[in-house]
């Protein structure tokens, strides 16, 4: 018997110093609000790292996807440090083509510039696909 999770958590990069963090957050928001509302939620990485019980208990109970804006992989490492494995680790320099990654790293830091950008959309669709596979494994 397959037990389907009710929710999937998304731990998105909270880095403000690089465009990858901005793209990660924009894509995550798209998943939460447009693609899989109600069955996905975001985990606040700073609170999670500070030991917030609510954030950590969610990660212990439900499957999570990490979306890291740079090679430091803070989101993925934070889940691993709790003794859990994300169902999917997405690190932007590995996800995008080299040309796309250059667009991101040389791009703006401002959210509004990335809000409707094709690279944010591409990432959001990938996150939603990964979450959807976890939420509905029999529909594949």
Protein backbone atom coordinates (compact mmCIF):
# COMPACT_ATOMS: atom_id res chain seq x y z
CA UNK A 1 0.00 0.00 0.00
CA UNK A 2 1.37 3.39 -1.03
CA UNK A 3 0.79 6.18 1.47
CA UNK A 4 0.57 9.52 -0.27
CA UNK A 5 1.78 12.57 1.62
CA UNK A 6 -0.69 15.38 2.07
CA UNK A 7 1.95 18.11 1.78
CA UNK A 8 5.37 18.75 0.31
CA UNK A 9 7.58 21.40 1.88
CA UNK A 10 9.89 23.55 -0.19
CA UNK A 11 13.01 25.01 1.39
CA UNK A 12 14.10 27.81 -0.90
CA UNK A 13 17.33 29.75 -0.82
CA UNK A 14 17.09 32.86 1.31
CA UNK A 15 20.33 34.38 0.04
CA UNK A 16 19.96 38.04 -0.80
CA UNK A 17 23.43 38.58 -2.19
CA UNK A 18 23.00 36.63 -5.41
CA UNK A 19 20.34 36.51 -8.13
CA UNK A 20 20.07 32.73 -7.68
CA UNK A 21 18.43 33.24 -4.30
CA UNK A 22 15.92 35.62 -5.83
CA UNK A 23 15.09 33.23 -8.68
CA UNK A 24 14.71 30.37 -6.16
CA UNK A 25 12.23 32.34 -4.07
CA UNK A 26 10.22 33.58 -7.06
CA UNK A 27 9.94 30.04 -8.48
CA UNK A 28 8.90 28.65 -5.09
CA UNK A 29 6.20 31.30 -4.71
CA UNK A 30 4.87 30.37 -8.17
CA UNK A 31 4.58 26.73 -7.11
CA UNK A 32 2.78 27.65 -3.88
CA UNK A 33 0.37 30.10 -5.44
CA UNK A 34 -0.14 28.93 -9.03
CA UNK A 35 0.76 25.27 -9.54
CA UNK A 36 0.10 23.31 -6.35
CA UNK A 37 -1.60 25.60 -3.84
CA UNK A 38 -2.79 23.94 -0.67
CA UNK A 39 -0.49 20.91 -0.97
CA UNK A 40 2.84 22.73 -0.93
CA UNK A 41 4.26 25.09 1.63
CA UNK A 42 7.50 26.90 2.12
CA UNK A 43 9.83 26.36 5.02
CA UNK A 44 11.57 29.46 6.35
CA UNK A 45 15.25 28.52 6.12
CA UNK A 46 16.48 31.13 8.67
CA UNK A 47 13.90 29.97 11.23
CA UNK A 48 14.65 26.34 10.40
CA UNK A 49 18.38 26.92 10.95
CA UNK A 50 17.65 28.76 14.20
CA UNK A 51 15.96 25.61 15.51
CA UNK A 52 12.34 26.69 15.18
CA UNK A 53 10.32 23.69 16.34
CA UNK A 54 7.40 24.19 13.94
CA UNK A 55 9.63 24.44 10.87
CA UNK A 56 11.78 21.46 11.89
CA UNK A 57 8.80 19.27 12.80
CA UNK A 58 7.29 19.84 9.36
CA UNK A 59 10.52 18.66 7.71
CA UNK A 60 10.61 15.61 9.99
CA UNK A 61 7.01 14.70 9.12
CA UNK A 62 6.64 15.58 5.42
CA UNK A 63 8.74 15.18 2.28
CA UNK A 64 10.68 18.26 1.24
CA UNK A 65 12.35 19.71 -1.83
CA UNK A 66 15.34 22.01 -1.45
CA UNK A 67 16.06 24.79 -3.94
CA UNK A 68 19.51 26.32 -3.58
CA UNK A 69 20.55 29.45 -5.43
CA UNK A 70 24.27 28.75 -5.24
CA UNK A 71 26.76 25.98 -4.63
CA UNK A 72 26.77 26.55 -0.85
CA UNK A 73 23.55 24.46 -0.77
CA UNK A 74 22.38 25.92 2.55
CA UNK A 75 18.83 24.56 2.19
CA UNK A 76 19.92 21.01 1.35
CA UNK A 77 22.56 20.97 4.07
CA UNK A 78 20.07 22.20 6.66
CA UNK A 79 17.72 19.28 5.93
CA UNK A 80 20.62 16.82 5.96
CA UNK A 81 21.80 18.20 9.30
CA UNK A 82 18.40 17.30 10.74
CA UNK A 83 19.00 13.70 9.65
CA UNK A 84 16.57 13.86 6.72
CA UNK A 85 17.03 13.56 2.98
CA UNK A 86 15.15 15.89 0.65
CA UNK A 87 13.10 14.07 -1.99
CA UNK A 88 14.81 16.35 -4.48
CA UNK A 89 17.79 18.70 -4.18
CA UNK A 90 17.82 21.41 -6.81
CA UNK A 91 20.91 23.59 -7.10
CA UNK A 92 20.55 26.21 -9.78
CA UNK A 93 24.01 25.93 -11.37
CA UNK A 94 23.34 22.22 -11.89
CA UNK A 95 19.72 22.69 -13.00
CA UNK A 96 20.19 25.36 -15.66
CA UNK A 97 22.31 25.08 -18.79
CA UNK A 98 25.60 26.97 -18.63
CA UNK A 99 24.15 29.81 -20.72
CA UNK A 100 21.04 30.02 -18.53
CA UNK A 101 23.14 29.97 -15.37
CA UNK A 102 25.22 32.86 -16.73
CA UNK A 103 21.98 34.78 -17.31
CA UNK A 104 21.02 34.19 -13.69
CA UNK A 105 24.40 35.08 -12.16
CA UNK A 106 24.68 38.22 -14.27
CA UNK A 107 21.04 39.16 -13.71
CA UNK A 108 19.39 41.61 -11.35
CA UNK A 109 18.86 41.06 -7.64
CA UNK A 110 15.37 42.56 -7.71
CA UNK A 111 12.31 40.30 -7.45
CA UNK A 112 10.27 42.27 -9.95
CA UNK A 113 12.82 41.67 -12.68
CA UNK A 114 12.50 37.87 -12.26
CA UNK A 115 8.80 37.59 -11.52
CA UNK A 116 7.71 36.67 -15.07
CA UNK A 117 11.10 35.64 -16.42
CA UNK A 118 11.28 32.41 -18.41
CA UNK A 119 14.07 31.05 -16.18
CA UNK A 120 11.94 31.52 -13.06
CA UNK A 121 9.07 29.80 -14.85
CA UNK A 122 11.29 26.89 -15.94
CA UNK A 123 12.43 26.34 -12.35
CA UNK A 124 8.89 26.64 -10.96
CA UNK A 125 7.62 24.01 -13.40
CA UNK A 126 10.43 21.64 -12.39
CA UNK A 127 9.73 22.11 -8.67
CA UNK A 128 6.01 21.55 -9.29
CA UNK A 129 6.75 18.39 -11.28
CA UNK A 130 8.91 17.00 -8.46
CA UNK A 131 6.27 17.82 -5.84
CA UNK A 132 3.51 16.38 -8.02
CA UNK A 133 5.33 13.06 -8.36
CA UNK A 134 5.51 12.83 -4.58
CA UNK A 135 1.90 13.87 -4.02
CA UNK A 136 0.41 11.67 -6.76
CA UNK A 137 2.79 8.74 -7.38
CA UNK A 138 0.08 6.61 -9.02
CA UNK A 139 -0.78 9.22 -11.66
CA UNK A 140 2.52 8.76 -13.51
